[in-house]
N, C-alpha and C. Protein backbone atom coordinates (compact mmCIF):
# COMPACT_ATOMS: atom_id res chain seq x y z
N MET A 1 2.41 19.21 98.70
CA MET A 1 1.75 20.14 97.78
C MET A 1 0.72 19.42 96.92
N VAL A 2 1.11 18.28 96.37
CA VAL A 2 0.19 17.50 95.54
C VAL A 2 -1.01 17.03 96.35
N ALA A 3 -0.73 16.56 97.59
CA ALA A 3 -1.81 16.09 98.46
C ALA A 3 -2.78 17.22 98.78
N GLY A 4 -2.23 18.43 99.00
CA GLY A 4 -3.09 19.58 99.29
C GLY A 4 -3.96 19.94 98.12
N THR A 5 -3.40 19.88 96.92
CA THR A 5 -4.17 20.18 95.71
C THR A 5 -5.29 19.18 95.51
N LEU A 6 -4.97 17.90 95.69
CA LEU A 6 -6.00 16.86 95.53
C LEU A 6 -7.10 17.03 96.58
N GLY A 7 -6.70 17.40 97.79
CA GLY A 7 -7.70 17.60 98.84
C GLY A 7 -8.63 18.74 98.51
N ALA A 8 -8.09 19.82 97.95
CA ALA A 8 -8.92 20.96 97.57
C ALA A 8 -9.89 20.59 96.46
N LEU A 9 -9.42 19.79 95.52
CA LEU A 9 -10.29 19.37 94.42
C LEU A 9 -11.45 18.53 94.93
N LEU A 10 -11.14 17.56 95.79
CA LEU A 10 -12.17 16.66 96.30
C LEU A 10 -13.16 17.40 97.20
N ALA A 11 -12.71 18.48 97.84
CA ALA A 11 -13.58 19.22 98.75
C ALA A 11 -14.54 20.14 98.00
N ASP A 12 -14.29 20.40 96.76
CA ASP A 12 -15.11 21.33 95.98
C ASP A 12 -15.57 20.67 94.69
N PRO A 13 -16.83 20.18 94.64
CA PRO A 13 -17.32 19.49 93.43
C PRO A 13 -17.24 20.36 92.18
N PHE A 14 -17.44 21.68 92.33
CA PHE A 14 -17.38 22.55 91.15
C PHE A 14 -16.00 22.55 90.53
N VAL A 15 -14.97 22.64 91.36
CA VAL A 15 -13.60 22.65 90.84
C VAL A 15 -13.30 21.36 90.09
N VAL A 16 -13.73 20.24 90.64
CA VAL A 16 -13.51 18.95 89.99
C VAL A 16 -14.20 18.90 88.63
N MET A 17 -15.49 19.25 88.62
CA MET A 17 -16.27 19.18 87.38
C MET A 17 -15.76 20.17 86.34
N ASN A 18 -15.42 21.37 86.78
CA ASN A 18 -14.93 22.39 85.85
C ASN A 18 -13.60 21.98 85.24
N THR A 19 -12.72 21.41 86.05
CA THR A 19 -11.41 20.97 85.55
C THR A 19 -11.57 19.87 84.50
N ILE A 20 -12.38 18.88 84.82
CA ILE A 20 -12.60 17.77 83.87
C ILE A 20 -13.25 18.28 82.59
N GLY A 21 -14.25 19.14 82.74
CA GLY A 21 -14.96 19.65 81.58
C GLY A 21 -14.08 20.45 80.64
N LEU A 22 -13.21 21.29 81.19
CA LEU A 22 -12.35 22.12 80.35
C LEU A 22 -11.42 21.27 79.49
N VAL A 23 -10.77 20.30 80.11
CA VAL A 23 -9.83 19.46 79.36
C VAL A 23 -10.59 18.61 78.33
N ALA A 24 -11.69 18.01 78.76
CA ALA A 24 -12.44 17.11 77.87
C ALA A 24 -13.02 17.85 76.67
N PHE A 25 -13.61 19.02 76.89
CA PHE A 25 -14.23 19.75 75.78
C PHE A 25 -13.19 20.39 74.87
N ALA A 26 -12.06 20.84 75.43
CA ALA A 26 -11.01 21.38 74.57
C ALA A 26 -10.49 20.29 73.64
N LEU A 27 -10.36 19.08 74.18
CA LEU A 27 -9.93 17.95 73.35
C LEU A 27 -10.96 17.64 72.25
N ALA A 28 -12.23 17.55 72.65
CA ALA A 28 -13.27 17.20 71.69
C ALA A 28 -13.42 18.27 70.61
N GLY A 29 -13.39 19.55 71.00
CA GLY A 29 -13.52 20.62 70.03
C GLY A 29 -12.34 20.69 69.08
N SER A 30 -11.15 20.48 69.60
CA SER A 30 -9.96 20.54 68.76
C SER A 30 -9.96 19.43 67.71
N THR A 31 -10.46 18.25 68.06
CA THR A 31 -10.49 17.17 67.08
C THR A 31 -11.41 17.49 65.90
N LYS A 32 -12.47 18.26 66.17
CA LYS A 32 -13.36 18.68 65.08
C LYS A 32 -12.61 19.62 64.12
N ALA A 33 -11.84 20.54 64.69
CA ALA A 33 -11.07 21.46 63.86
C ALA A 33 -9.98 20.72 63.08
N ILE A 34 -9.38 19.73 63.70
CA ILE A 34 -8.37 18.93 63.01
C ILE A 34 -8.98 18.20 61.83
N ARG A 35 -10.19 17.67 62.00
CA ARG A 35 -10.88 16.98 60.90
C ARG A 35 -11.12 17.92 59.73
N GLU A 36 -11.39 19.21 60.04
CA GLU A 36 -11.63 20.20 59.00
C GLU A 36 -10.34 20.78 58.43
N ARG A 37 -9.20 20.25 58.87
CA ARG A 37 -7.88 20.64 58.39
C ARG A 37 -7.54 22.10 58.73
N PHE A 38 -7.97 22.57 59.91
CA PHE A 38 -7.58 23.89 60.39
C PHE A 38 -6.09 23.88 60.73
N ASP A 39 -5.47 25.08 60.70
CA ASP A 39 -4.08 25.15 61.14
C ASP A 39 -4.05 25.15 62.67
N LEU A 40 -2.83 25.17 63.24
CA LEU A 40 -2.71 25.04 64.69
C LEU A 40 -3.40 26.17 65.44
N PHE A 41 -3.36 27.38 64.87
CA PHE A 41 -4.06 28.49 65.53
C PHE A 41 -5.57 28.25 65.51
N GLY A 42 -6.09 27.83 64.37
CA GLY A 42 -7.51 27.55 64.26
C GLY A 42 -7.95 26.42 65.18
N ILE A 43 -7.12 25.40 65.28
CA ILE A 43 -7.42 24.27 66.19
C ILE A 43 -7.50 24.78 67.63
N THR A 44 -6.57 25.65 67.99
CA THR A 44 -6.56 26.20 69.35
C THR A 44 -7.79 27.05 69.61
N VAL A 45 -8.17 27.88 68.65
CA VAL A 45 -9.34 28.74 68.82
C VAL A 45 -10.61 27.91 69.00
N VAL A 46 -10.80 26.92 68.15
CA VAL A 46 -12.01 26.09 68.24
C VAL A 46 -12.00 25.28 69.54
N GLY A 47 -10.84 24.75 69.89
CA GLY A 47 -10.75 23.97 71.13
C GLY A 47 -11.08 24.81 72.35
N LEU A 48 -10.51 26.00 72.43
CA LEU A 48 -10.77 26.86 73.57
C LEU A 48 -12.20 27.38 73.57
N ALA A 49 -12.75 27.64 72.39
CA ALA A 49 -14.14 28.09 72.30
C ALA A 49 -15.08 27.01 72.82
N THR A 50 -14.80 25.77 72.46
CA THR A 50 -15.61 24.65 72.94
C THR A 50 -15.54 24.54 74.45
N ALA A 51 -14.34 24.75 74.99
CA ALA A 51 -14.14 24.61 76.43
C ALA A 51 -14.75 25.76 77.22
N PHE A 52 -14.71 26.98 76.67
CA PHE A 52 -15.04 28.15 77.49
C PHE A 52 -16.35 28.85 77.15
N ALA A 53 -16.89 28.69 75.96
CA ALA A 53 -18.08 29.47 75.58
C ALA A 53 -19.26 29.21 76.51
N GLY A 54 -19.49 27.95 76.85
CA GLY A 54 -20.61 27.63 77.73
C GLY A 54 -20.43 28.22 79.12
N GLY A 55 -19.21 28.11 79.67
CA GLY A 55 -18.95 28.63 81.00
C GLY A 55 -18.99 30.15 81.05
N VAL A 56 -18.50 30.81 80.01
CA VAL A 56 -18.56 32.27 79.96
C VAL A 56 -20.01 32.74 79.93
N THR A 57 -20.83 32.07 79.12
CA THR A 57 -22.26 32.41 79.06
C THR A 57 -22.92 32.19 80.42
N ARG A 58 -22.58 31.09 81.07
CA ARG A 58 -23.09 30.80 82.41
C ARG A 58 -22.76 31.92 83.38
N ASP A 59 -21.51 32.37 83.38
CA ASP A 59 -21.10 33.39 84.32
C ASP A 59 -21.77 34.73 84.04
N ILE A 60 -21.95 35.05 82.77
CA ILE A 60 -22.65 36.29 82.42
C ILE A 60 -24.09 36.23 82.91
N LEU A 61 -24.73 35.08 82.79
CA LEU A 61 -26.13 34.94 83.22
C LEU A 61 -26.29 35.11 84.73
N VAL A 62 -25.26 34.75 85.49
CA VAL A 62 -25.35 34.90 86.95
C VAL A 62 -24.60 36.14 87.44
N SER A 63 -24.28 37.03 86.49
CA SER A 63 -23.70 38.34 86.81
C SER A 63 -22.37 38.27 87.55
N ARG A 64 -21.44 37.50 87.00
CA ARG A 64 -20.10 37.49 87.58
C ARG A 64 -19.06 37.47 86.46
N VAL A 65 -17.87 37.95 86.76
CA VAL A 65 -16.80 37.96 85.77
C VAL A 65 -16.45 36.52 85.42
N PRO A 66 -16.44 36.17 84.13
CA PRO A 66 -16.14 34.79 83.74
C PRO A 66 -14.83 34.29 84.33
N LEU A 67 -14.86 33.05 84.80
CA LEU A 67 -13.66 32.46 85.39
C LEU A 67 -12.50 32.43 84.41
N ALA A 68 -12.81 32.29 83.13
CA ALA A 68 -11.76 32.21 82.11
C ALA A 68 -10.93 33.49 82.07
N LEU A 69 -11.49 34.61 82.54
CA LEU A 69 -10.78 35.88 82.54
C LEU A 69 -10.12 36.18 83.88
N ARG A 70 -10.33 35.29 84.86
CA ARG A 70 -9.79 35.54 86.20
C ARG A 70 -8.65 34.61 86.58
N SER A 71 -8.44 33.55 85.81
CA SER A 71 -7.44 32.58 86.21
C SER A 71 -6.68 32.03 85.01
N LEU A 72 -5.35 32.14 85.08
CA LEU A 72 -4.53 31.54 84.02
C LEU A 72 -4.63 30.02 84.05
N GLY A 73 -4.98 29.47 85.20
CA GLY A 73 -5.12 28.03 85.31
C GLY A 73 -6.20 27.49 84.39
N GLU A 74 -7.29 28.27 84.22
CA GLU A 74 -8.37 27.85 83.34
C GLU A 74 -7.87 27.72 81.90
N ILE A 75 -7.17 28.74 81.44
CA ILE A 75 -6.64 28.72 80.07
C ILE A 75 -5.64 27.58 79.91
N SER A 76 -4.85 27.34 80.94
CA SER A 76 -3.85 26.27 80.88
C SER A 76 -4.52 24.91 80.70
N LEU A 77 -5.64 24.70 81.39
CA LEU A 77 -6.36 23.43 81.26
C LEU A 77 -6.90 23.28 79.84
N GLY A 78 -7.43 24.36 79.28
CA GLY A 78 -7.93 24.30 77.91
C GLY A 78 -6.82 23.99 76.93
N LEU A 79 -5.68 24.65 77.10
CA LEU A 79 -4.55 24.41 76.20
C LEU A 79 -4.04 22.97 76.33
N PHE A 80 -4.10 22.42 77.53
CA PHE A 80 -3.70 21.02 77.73
C PHE A 80 -4.59 20.10 76.91
N GLY A 81 -5.90 20.39 76.88
CA GLY A 81 -6.82 19.60 76.06
C GLY A 81 -6.52 19.71 74.58
N VAL A 82 -6.13 20.91 74.14
CA VAL A 82 -5.77 21.11 72.74
C VAL A 82 -4.54 20.29 72.38
N VAL A 83 -3.54 20.32 73.25
CA VAL A 83 -2.31 19.55 73.01
C VAL A 83 -2.61 18.06 72.96
N LEU A 84 -3.49 17.58 73.83
CA LEU A 84 -3.87 16.17 73.79
C LEU A 84 -4.51 15.82 72.45
N ALA A 85 -5.37 16.71 71.95
CA ALA A 85 -6.04 16.45 70.67
C ALA A 85 -5.03 16.37 69.53
N VAL A 86 -4.08 17.27 69.51
CA VAL A 86 -3.05 17.26 68.46
C VAL A 86 -2.24 15.98 68.56
N GLY A 87 -1.90 15.58 69.79
CA GLY A 87 -1.17 14.33 69.97
C GLY A 87 -1.94 13.13 69.47
N LEU A 88 -3.24 13.09 69.76
CA LEU A 88 -4.07 11.98 69.29
C LEU A 88 -4.15 11.95 67.77
N SER A 89 -4.16 13.14 67.15
CA SER A 89 -4.26 13.19 65.69
C SER A 89 -3.02 12.62 65.02
N ILE A 90 -1.91 12.63 65.75
CA ILE A 90 -0.66 12.10 65.20
C ILE A 90 -0.65 10.57 65.23
N VAL A 91 -1.25 9.99 66.29
CA VAL A 91 -1.20 8.54 66.46
C VAL A 91 -2.48 7.83 66.00
N LEU A 92 -3.57 8.57 65.81
CA LEU A 92 -4.82 7.97 65.38
C LEU A 92 -5.23 8.50 64.01
N GLU A 93 -5.84 7.65 63.21
CA GLU A 93 -6.21 8.05 61.86
C GLU A 93 -7.42 8.97 61.84
N SER A 94 -8.43 8.70 62.65
CA SER A 94 -9.64 9.53 62.71
C SER A 94 -9.96 9.83 64.17
N PRO A 95 -9.24 10.78 64.77
CA PRO A 95 -9.42 11.02 66.20
C PRO A 95 -10.81 11.53 66.57
N ASP A 96 -11.50 12.22 65.64
CA ASP A 96 -12.82 12.77 65.98
C ASP A 96 -13.87 11.69 66.14
N ASP A 97 -13.67 10.53 65.51
CA ASP A 97 -14.62 9.42 65.62
C ASP A 97 -14.14 8.33 66.57
N HIS A 98 -12.98 8.52 67.16
CA HIS A 98 -12.41 7.50 68.03
C HIS A 98 -13.17 7.44 69.35
N PRO A 99 -13.32 6.24 69.93
CA PRO A 99 -14.00 6.12 71.23
C PRO A 99 -13.44 7.03 72.31
N ILE A 100 -12.13 7.31 72.27
CA ILE A 100 -11.54 8.20 73.27
C ILE A 100 -12.15 9.59 73.19
N THR A 101 -12.31 10.09 71.96
CA THR A 101 -12.89 11.42 71.78
C THR A 101 -14.37 11.44 72.13
N LEU A 102 -15.10 10.40 71.72
CA LEU A 102 -16.52 10.33 72.04
C LEU A 102 -16.74 10.26 73.55
N LEU A 103 -15.90 9.48 74.24
CA LEU A 103 -16.00 9.39 75.70
C LEU A 103 -15.63 10.72 76.34
N SER A 104 -14.60 11.36 75.82
CA SER A 104 -14.18 12.65 76.35
C SER A 104 -15.30 13.67 76.23
N ASP A 105 -15.98 13.68 75.11
CA ASP A 105 -17.07 14.62 74.89
C ASP A 105 -18.22 14.34 75.86
N ALA A 106 -18.54 13.07 76.07
CA ALA A 106 -19.61 12.70 77.01
C ALA A 106 -19.24 13.09 78.44
N ILE A 107 -17.98 12.88 78.80
CA ILE A 107 -17.51 13.26 80.14
C ILE A 107 -17.57 14.77 80.32
N GLY A 108 -17.14 15.51 79.28
CA GLY A 108 -17.21 16.96 79.35
C GLY A 108 -18.64 17.46 79.48
N LEU A 109 -19.56 16.83 78.78
CA LEU A 109 -20.97 17.21 78.86
C LEU A 109 -21.48 17.04 80.30
N ALA A 110 -21.17 15.89 80.89
CA ALA A 110 -21.62 15.61 82.25
C ALA A 110 -20.97 16.55 83.26
N ALA A 111 -19.67 16.80 83.10
CA ALA A 111 -18.95 17.66 84.03
C ALA A 111 -19.48 19.09 83.97
N PHE A 112 -19.70 19.60 82.77
CA PHE A 112 -20.15 20.98 82.64
C PHE A 112 -21.62 21.15 83.02
N ALA A 113 -22.44 20.13 82.79
CA ALA A 113 -23.83 20.20 83.24
C ALA A 113 -23.86 20.33 84.76
N THR A 114 -23.00 19.57 85.42
CA THR A 114 -22.93 19.61 86.88
C THR A 114 -22.37 20.93 87.38
N ALA A 115 -21.31 21.41 86.74
CA ALA A 115 -20.72 22.70 87.13
C ALA A 115 -21.74 23.81 86.97
N GLY A 116 -22.49 23.79 85.88
CA GLY A 116 -23.50 24.81 85.65
C GLY A 116 -24.60 24.77 86.69
N ALA A 117 -25.03 23.56 87.06
CA ALA A 117 -26.07 23.41 88.08
C ALA A 117 -25.59 23.93 89.43
N ILE A 118 -24.34 23.68 89.76
CA ILE A 118 -23.78 24.14 91.03
C ILE A 118 -23.75 25.67 91.08
N VAL A 119 -23.27 26.29 90.01
CA VAL A 119 -23.19 27.75 89.96
C VAL A 119 -24.59 28.37 90.01
N ALA A 120 -25.51 27.80 89.25
CA ALA A 120 -26.87 28.34 89.20
C ALA A 120 -27.54 28.25 90.57
N THR A 121 -27.34 27.14 91.26
CA THR A 121 -27.92 26.98 92.59
C THR A 121 -27.34 28.01 93.55
N GLY A 122 -26.05 28.23 93.48
CA GLY A 122 -25.40 29.22 94.33
C GLY A 122 -25.88 30.63 94.05
N ALA A 123 -26.31 30.87 92.79
CA ALA A 123 -26.80 32.21 92.42
C ALA A 123 -28.25 32.42 92.84
N GLY A 124 -28.91 31.36 93.32
CA GLY A 124 -30.28 31.49 93.81
C GLY A 124 -31.34 31.61 92.72
N VAL A 125 -31.09 31.05 91.54
CA VAL A 125 -32.08 31.12 90.47
C VAL A 125 -33.17 30.07 90.68
N SER A 126 -34.21 30.12 89.86
CA SER A 126 -35.32 29.18 89.98
C SER A 126 -34.93 27.79 89.51
N SER A 127 -35.85 26.85 89.66
CA SER A 127 -35.59 25.48 89.19
C SER A 127 -35.34 25.47 87.68
N PHE A 128 -36.13 26.27 86.95
CA PHE A 128 -35.90 26.37 85.50
C PHE A 128 -34.52 26.94 85.23
N GLY A 129 -34.12 27.94 86.01
CA GLY A 129 -32.81 28.55 85.82
C GLY A 129 -31.68 27.56 86.04
N VAL A 130 -31.82 26.70 87.04
CA VAL A 130 -30.79 25.70 87.31
C VAL A 130 -30.63 24.77 86.11
N VAL A 131 -31.74 24.27 85.60
CA VAL A 131 -31.69 23.34 84.46
C VAL A 131 -31.20 24.06 83.20
N ALA A 132 -31.67 25.28 82.99
CA ALA A 132 -31.27 26.03 81.79
C ALA A 132 -29.78 26.34 81.80
N ILE A 133 -29.26 26.80 82.95
CA ILE A 133 -27.85 27.15 83.02
C ILE A 133 -26.98 25.90 82.95
N ALA A 134 -27.43 24.80 83.54
CA ALA A 134 -26.71 23.54 83.42
C ALA A 134 -26.58 23.12 81.96
N THR A 135 -27.68 23.27 81.22
CA THR A 135 -27.69 22.88 79.80
C THR A 135 -26.83 23.81 78.96
N ILE A 136 -26.92 25.11 79.22
CA ILE A 136 -26.11 26.08 78.48
C ILE A 136 -24.63 25.85 78.73
N ASN A 137 -24.27 25.62 80.00
CA ASN A 137 -22.88 25.36 80.34
C ASN A 137 -22.37 24.11 79.62
N ALA A 138 -23.24 23.09 79.52
CA ALA A 138 -22.84 21.81 78.93
C ALA A 138 -22.78 21.85 77.41
N ALA A 139 -23.78 22.48 76.78
CA ALA A 139 -23.91 22.39 75.32
C ALA A 139 -23.52 23.67 74.60
N GLY A 140 -23.34 24.76 75.33
CA GLY A 140 -23.06 26.04 74.67
C GLY A 140 -21.74 26.06 73.92
N GLY A 141 -20.71 25.47 74.49
CA GLY A 141 -19.41 25.47 73.84
C GLY A 141 -19.41 24.73 72.52
N GLY A 142 -20.06 23.57 72.50
CA GLY A 142 -20.15 22.79 71.26
C GLY A 142 -20.93 23.52 70.19
N ALA A 143 -21.99 24.22 70.59
CA ALA A 143 -22.80 24.98 69.63
C ALA A 143 -21.98 26.11 69.02
N PHE A 144 -21.22 26.82 69.86
CA PHE A 144 -20.39 27.92 69.37
C PHE A 144 -19.28 27.41 68.46
N ALA A 145 -18.71 26.27 68.81
CA ALA A 145 -17.66 25.69 67.97
C ALA A 145 -18.20 25.33 66.59
N ASP A 146 -19.43 24.82 66.53
CA ASP A 146 -20.02 24.48 65.24
C ASP A 146 -20.19 25.71 64.36
N ILE A 147 -20.50 26.85 64.98
CA ILE A 147 -20.61 28.10 64.22
C ILE A 147 -19.25 28.47 63.63
N LEU A 148 -18.19 28.32 64.42
CA LEU A 148 -16.84 28.59 63.91
C LEU A 148 -16.47 27.64 62.78
N LEU A 149 -17.03 26.43 62.82
CA LEU A 149 -16.76 25.43 61.79
C LEU A 149 -17.70 25.57 60.60
N ASP A 150 -18.51 26.66 60.61
CA ASP A 150 -19.41 26.99 59.49
C ASP A 150 -20.46 25.91 59.25
N ARG A 151 -21.11 25.48 60.33
CA ARG A 151 -22.20 24.54 60.21
C ARG A 151 -23.22 24.80 61.31
N SER A 152 -24.44 24.35 61.08
CA SER A 152 -25.48 24.56 62.08
C SER A 152 -25.16 23.76 63.33
N PRO A 153 -25.39 24.33 64.53
CA PRO A 153 -25.09 23.60 65.77
C PRO A 153 -25.80 22.25 65.81
N PHE A 154 -25.03 21.18 66.04
CA PHE A 154 -25.60 19.85 65.97
C PHE A 154 -26.61 19.58 67.08
N ILE A 155 -26.56 20.36 68.17
CA ILE A 155 -27.52 20.12 69.25
C ILE A 155 -28.94 20.50 68.84
N LEU A 156 -29.10 21.18 67.70
CA LEU A 156 -30.43 21.55 67.21
C LEU A 156 -31.01 20.50 66.29
N PHE A 157 -30.24 19.47 66.02
CA PHE A 157 -30.72 18.40 65.16
C PHE A 157 -31.18 17.21 65.99
N GLU A 158 -31.16 16.03 65.40
CA GLU A 158 -31.76 14.87 66.03
C GLU A 158 -30.95 14.28 67.18
N ASP A 159 -29.67 14.62 67.25
CA ASP A 159 -28.80 13.96 68.22
C ASP A 159 -29.28 14.17 69.66
N PHE A 160 -29.26 13.09 70.45
CA PHE A 160 -29.69 13.14 71.85
C PHE A 160 -28.50 13.61 72.67
N TYR A 161 -28.35 14.92 72.81
CA TYR A 161 -27.14 15.48 73.41
C TYR A 161 -27.49 16.49 74.50
N ALA A 162 -28.03 17.64 74.13
CA ALA A 162 -28.41 18.64 75.13
C ALA A 162 -29.47 18.08 76.08
N SER A 163 -30.31 17.18 75.58
CA SER A 163 -31.35 16.57 76.42
C SER A 163 -30.74 15.83 77.60
N CYS A 164 -29.54 15.28 77.43
CA CYS A 164 -28.86 14.59 78.53
C CYS A 164 -28.53 15.57 79.65
N ALA A 165 -28.11 16.78 79.28
CA ALA A 165 -27.81 17.80 80.27
C ALA A 165 -29.08 18.28 80.96
N VAL A 166 -30.18 18.37 80.21
CA VAL A 166 -31.46 18.73 80.81
C VAL A 166 -31.84 17.71 81.88
N ALA A 167 -31.68 16.44 81.56
CA ALA A 167 -32.00 15.38 82.52
C ALA A 167 -31.10 15.46 83.75
N GLY A 168 -29.80 15.65 83.51
CA GLY A 168 -28.86 15.73 84.63
C GLY A 168 -29.12 16.92 85.53
N GLY A 169 -29.37 18.09 84.93
CA GLY A 169 -29.67 19.28 85.70
C GLY A 169 -30.95 19.15 86.51
N SER A 170 -31.93 18.48 85.93
CA SER A 170 -33.19 18.26 86.64
C SER A 170 -33.00 17.37 87.85
N VAL A 171 -32.21 16.31 87.68
CA VAL A 171 -31.95 15.40 88.80
C VAL A 171 -31.17 16.13 89.90
N TYR A 172 -30.22 16.97 89.51
CA TYR A 172 -29.46 17.74 90.49
C TYR A 172 -30.40 18.58 91.35
N TRP A 173 -31.29 19.32 90.71
CA TRP A 173 -32.20 20.20 91.45
C TRP A 173 -33.16 19.39 92.33
N LEU A 174 -33.66 18.29 91.80
CA LEU A 174 -34.60 17.47 92.57
C LEU A 174 -33.94 16.91 93.83
N LEU A 175 -32.74 16.39 93.69
CA LEU A 175 -32.06 15.82 94.86
C LEU A 175 -31.71 16.89 95.89
N LEU A 176 -31.25 18.05 95.41
CA LEU A 176 -30.90 19.12 96.33
C LEU A 176 -32.15 19.63 97.06
N THR A 177 -33.26 19.74 96.34
CA THR A 177 -34.51 20.19 96.93
C THR A 177 -35.04 19.18 97.94
N ALA A 178 -34.79 17.89 97.67
CA ALA A 178 -35.26 16.83 98.57
C ALA A 178 -34.40 16.70 99.82
N GLY A 179 -33.34 17.49 99.92
CA GLY A 179 -32.52 17.45 101.12
C GLY A 179 -31.19 16.75 100.96
N GLY A 180 -30.88 16.32 99.75
CA GLY A 180 -29.60 15.67 99.51
C GLY A 180 -28.47 16.70 99.54
N GLY A 181 -27.28 16.27 99.83
CA GLY A 181 -26.14 17.17 99.86
C GLY A 181 -25.67 17.54 98.46
N GLU A 182 -24.84 18.58 98.38
CA GLU A 182 -24.33 19.03 97.09
C GLU A 182 -23.51 17.96 96.39
N SER A 183 -22.69 17.25 97.15
CA SER A 183 -21.85 16.21 96.55
C SER A 183 -22.69 15.07 95.97
N ALA A 184 -23.73 14.68 96.70
CA ALA A 184 -24.60 13.61 96.21
C ALA A 184 -25.36 14.06 94.97
N ALA A 185 -25.85 15.30 94.99
CA ALA A 185 -26.58 15.82 93.83
C ALA A 185 -25.65 15.93 92.62
N ALA A 186 -24.40 16.36 92.86
CA ALA A 186 -23.44 16.47 91.77
C ALA A 186 -23.13 15.10 91.18
N ALA A 187 -22.94 14.11 92.05
CA ALA A 187 -22.65 12.75 91.57
C ALA A 187 -23.81 12.21 90.74
N ALA A 188 -25.04 12.48 91.18
CA ALA A 188 -26.21 12.01 90.44
C ALA A 188 -26.32 12.70 89.09
N CYS A 189 -26.01 14.00 89.06
CA CYS A 189 -26.06 14.75 87.79
C CYS A 189 -25.06 14.18 86.79
N VAL A 190 -23.85 13.90 87.28
CA VAL A 190 -22.83 13.31 86.41
C VAL A 190 -23.29 11.95 85.89
N ALA A 191 -23.82 11.12 86.79
CA ALA A 191 -24.22 9.77 86.41
C ALA A 191 -25.34 9.78 85.37
N VAL A 192 -26.33 10.63 85.59
CA VAL A 192 -27.47 10.69 84.66
C VAL A 192 -27.04 11.25 83.31
N THR A 193 -26.31 12.36 83.33
CA THR A 193 -25.89 12.98 82.06
C THR A 193 -24.95 12.07 81.27
N LEU A 194 -23.95 11.54 81.95
CA LEU A 194 -22.99 10.67 81.28
C LEU A 194 -23.65 9.37 80.83
N GLY A 195 -24.48 8.78 81.68
CA GLY A 195 -25.13 7.52 81.34
C GLY A 195 -26.05 7.64 80.15
N THR A 196 -26.87 8.69 80.12
CA THR A 196 -27.80 8.85 78.99
C THR A 196 -27.05 9.17 77.70
N ARG A 197 -25.97 9.95 77.80
CA ARG A 197 -25.22 10.27 76.59
C ARG A 197 -24.53 9.04 76.02
N LEU A 198 -23.89 8.25 76.88
CA LEU A 198 -23.23 7.04 76.39
C LEU A 198 -24.24 6.05 75.82
N ALA A 199 -25.41 5.96 76.45
CA ALA A 199 -26.46 5.09 75.92
C ALA A 199 -26.94 5.58 74.57
N ALA A 200 -27.06 6.91 74.41
CA ALA A 200 -27.50 7.47 73.14
C ALA A 200 -26.51 7.16 72.02
N VAL A 201 -25.21 7.27 72.34
CA VAL A 201 -24.18 6.96 71.35
C VAL A 201 -24.19 5.48 71.01
N ASN A 202 -24.32 4.64 72.03
CA ASN A 202 -24.25 3.20 71.84
C ASN A 202 -25.46 2.64 71.10
N TYR A 203 -26.64 3.17 71.43
CA TYR A 203 -27.87 2.63 70.84
C TYR A 203 -28.46 3.51 69.73
N GLY A 204 -27.79 4.60 69.42
CA GLY A 204 -28.26 5.46 68.34
C GLY A 204 -29.54 6.21 68.66
N TRP A 205 -29.73 6.60 69.92
CA TRP A 205 -30.93 7.33 70.29
C TRP A 205 -30.94 8.72 69.63
N THR A 206 -32.09 9.11 69.16
CA THR A 206 -32.27 10.45 68.60
C THR A 206 -33.64 10.98 69.00
N LEU A 207 -33.81 12.28 68.91
CA LEU A 207 -35.13 12.87 69.11
C LEU A 207 -35.83 12.96 67.76
N PRO A 208 -37.14 12.75 67.71
CA PRO A 208 -37.84 12.78 66.42
C PRO A 208 -37.97 14.20 65.88
N THR A 209 -38.02 14.31 64.58
CA THR A 209 -38.29 15.59 63.93
C THR A 209 -39.79 15.72 63.69
N ALA A 210 -40.23 16.93 63.38
CA ALA A 210 -41.64 17.15 63.08
C ALA A 210 -42.05 16.35 61.85
N GLN A 211 -41.14 16.24 60.87
CA GLN A 211 -41.43 15.47 59.66
C GLN A 211 -41.65 14.00 59.97
N ALA A 212 -40.81 13.49 60.89
CA ALA A 212 -40.95 12.08 61.26
C ALA A 212 -42.27 11.84 61.96
N LEU A 213 -42.68 12.76 62.81
CA LEU A 213 -43.97 12.62 63.50
C LEU A 213 -45.11 12.66 62.48
N GLY A 214 -44.97 13.53 61.48
CA GLY A 214 -46.01 13.63 60.46
C GLY A 214 -46.14 12.35 59.66
N ARG A 215 -45.01 11.73 59.34
CA ARG A 215 -45.06 10.46 58.59
C ARG A 215 -45.71 9.37 59.42
N ASP A 216 -45.40 9.36 60.73
CA ASP A 216 -45.99 8.34 61.60
C ASP A 216 -47.50 8.46 61.66
N GLU A 217 -48.00 9.70 61.67
CA GLU A 217 -49.43 9.90 61.76
C GLU A 217 -50.17 9.46 60.49
N HIS A 218 -49.46 9.52 59.35
CA HIS A 218 -50.11 9.17 58.08
C HIS A 218 -49.92 7.71 57.69
N GLN A 219 -49.17 6.99 58.49
CA GLN A 219 -48.94 5.58 58.17
C GLN A 219 -50.06 4.70 58.72
């Protein structure tokens, strides 16, 4: 049974990416709620919103019933991520800033960017649609969670975050258009999205603001 399940996962890149993304983003979102001292219900809501909001939006854009409403397995994966976050909060002093959480968030970003690109390609949308849906799938959950946390979505600020999904989605479409297989394109999307995000965290990469550009011009 276990061997059959693993075989099914490896045979379907979307299932692999979606599974990883759900657990990783539920964990990352829940740690934000824990930092804000939400109760267990609030932690669960924010964690699940982070995990599912991007995917639900993706499915609505391609005119299909969201997977979150069709499978109890999806909700179970999200809840598993929430439980992991609560467990980490017990053993770690600042789980939201811990490398484990930062890595989990980067992995979730890469997994969901790839899942979104796969779904968009299957729906037959344009190249812009593939990149847009990949980005929405990757960054939409975090943006919605920030609204629940009563703050402006951080992807609209200087942080180099959604741009990583844009890069990954673009590489996915380019490789697929050039004749590469779905698995190769998915692997490249993961590598580009994850690599650029980890580099941004490590080196402090940010996008410039209009004010910063204005100061540069007057210097």
